[in-house]
Amino acid sequence: MMMAVCMTIGSICACVMVISNNVTYCAIIHGVVNVIGEIPVFLSVTHKSGLLGPNPTGLIGMFGLIVCAVIMFLRLPKQEGQQI
């Protein structure tokens, strides 16, 4: 699950970097996600498995991140005629 979350957050940060041409925003997003990801664990009084939630690395919490990453990827500006 953590690998899926890292790939999703990495996609979001990559889209932000391409759009803004600045790495600072990606660093801020990374720090915010680290803090937000741990708050539900501290507030949770149950000791159940985090596979579904309450933190963003669960299936339910990650659904919103995946939707955000897909929307940002689809909205990236297209560059035609670029050769690798």
Protein backbone atom coordinates (compact mmCIF):
# COMPACT_ATOMS: atom_id res chain seq x y z
CA MET A 1 0.00 0.00 0.00
CA MET A 2 2.81 2.38 0.80
CA MET A 3 4.32 1.84 -2.66
CA ALA A 4 0.98 2.70 -4.27
CA VAL A 5 0.71 5.86 -2.18
CA CYS A 6 4.28 6.87 -3.05
CA MET A 7 3.60 6.38 -6.75
CA THR A 8 0.41 8.43 -6.51
CA ILE A 9 2.02 11.27 -4.57
CA GLY A 10 5.00 11.13 -6.92
CA SER A 11 2.66 11.57 -9.90
CA ILE A 12 1.03 14.56 -8.26
CA CYS A 13 4.39 16.13 -7.45
CA ALA A 14 5.65 15.49 -10.99
CA CYS A 15 2.57 17.19 -12.46
CA VAL A 16 3.03 20.17 -10.15
CA MET A 17 6.69 20.42 -11.12
CA VAL A 18 5.89 20.31 -14.85
CA ILE A 19 3.15 22.92 -14.54
CA SER A 20 5.04 25.32 -12.26
CA ASN A 21 8.66 24.70 -13.38
CA ASN A 22 9.58 24.85 -9.70
CA VAL A 23 10.63 22.08 -7.29
CA THR A 24 9.81 24.09 -4.16
CA TYR A 25 6.09 23.39 -4.48
CA CYS A 26 6.78 19.65 -4.68
CA ALA A 27 8.83 19.82 -1.49
CA ILE A 28 6.00 21.63 0.29
CA ILE A 29 3.45 19.07 -0.94
CA HIS A 30 5.70 16.24 0.22
CA GLY A 31 6.02 17.74 3.70
CA VAL A 32 2.28 18.37 4.00
CA VAL A 33 1.47 14.81 2.95
CA ASN A 34 3.92 13.45 5.54
CA VAL A 35 2.22 15.42 8.32
CA ILE A 36 -1.35 14.73 7.18
CA GLY A 37 -0.59 11.04 6.75
CA GLU A 38 0.34 10.57 10.39
CA ILE A 39 -2.39 12.63 12.10
CA PRO A 40 -5.16 9.99 11.73
CA VAL A 41 -2.86 7.37 13.23
CA PHE A 42 -2.31 9.51 16.33
CA LEU A 43 -6.02 10.33 16.67
CA SER A 44 -7.20 6.76 16.15
CA VAL A 45 -7.96 4.89 19.36
CA THR A 46 -8.45 1.53 17.64
CA HIS A 47 -5.57 -0.75 16.84
CA LYS A 48 -7.11 -2.22 13.71
CA SER A 49 -5.30 -2.76 10.45
CA GLY A 50 -4.80 0.41 8.41
CA LEU A 51 -5.51 -1.32 5.10
CA LEU A 52 -8.85 0.50 4.70
CA GLY A 53 -8.13 3.60 6.77
CA PRO A 54 -8.03 5.94 8.69
CA ASN A 55 -4.79 7.25 7.20
CA PRO A 56 -4.27 8.19 3.52
CA THR A 57 -2.23 5.03 2.93
CA GLY A 58 -5.41 2.97 3.20
CA LEU A 59 -7.64 2.02 0.28
CA ILE A 60 -10.37 4.52 1.15
CA GLY A 61 -8.00 7.40 1.85
CA MET A 62 -5.93 6.72 -1.25
CA PHE A 63 -8.95 6.79 -3.56
CA GLY A 64 -9.06 10.60 -3.43
CA LEU A 65 -5.34 10.84 -4.10
CA ILE A 66 -5.61 8.55 -7.12
CA VAL A 67 -8.49 10.61 -8.55
CA CYS A 68 -6.46 13.80 -8.01
CA ALA A 69 -3.39 12.28 -9.72
CA VAL A 70 -5.42 11.11 -12.74
CA ILE A 71 -7.13 14.49 -13.14
CA MET A 72 -3.80 16.34 -12.91
CA PHE A 73 -2.18 13.95 -15.40
CA LEU A 74 -4.99 14.44 -17.90
CA ARG A 75 -4.77 18.23 -17.57
CA LEU A 76 -1.04 18.37 -18.31
CA PRO A 77 -0.22 20.45 -21.37
CA LYS A 78 0.51 18.32 -24.40
CA GLN A 79 3.74 18.88 -26.33
CA GLU A 80 3.63 17.65 -29.90
CA GLY A 81 6.63 16.93 -32.09
CA GLN A 82 9.01 16.21 -29.24
CA GLN A 83 11.47 13.38 -29.90
CA ILE A 84 13.23 11.41 -27.21
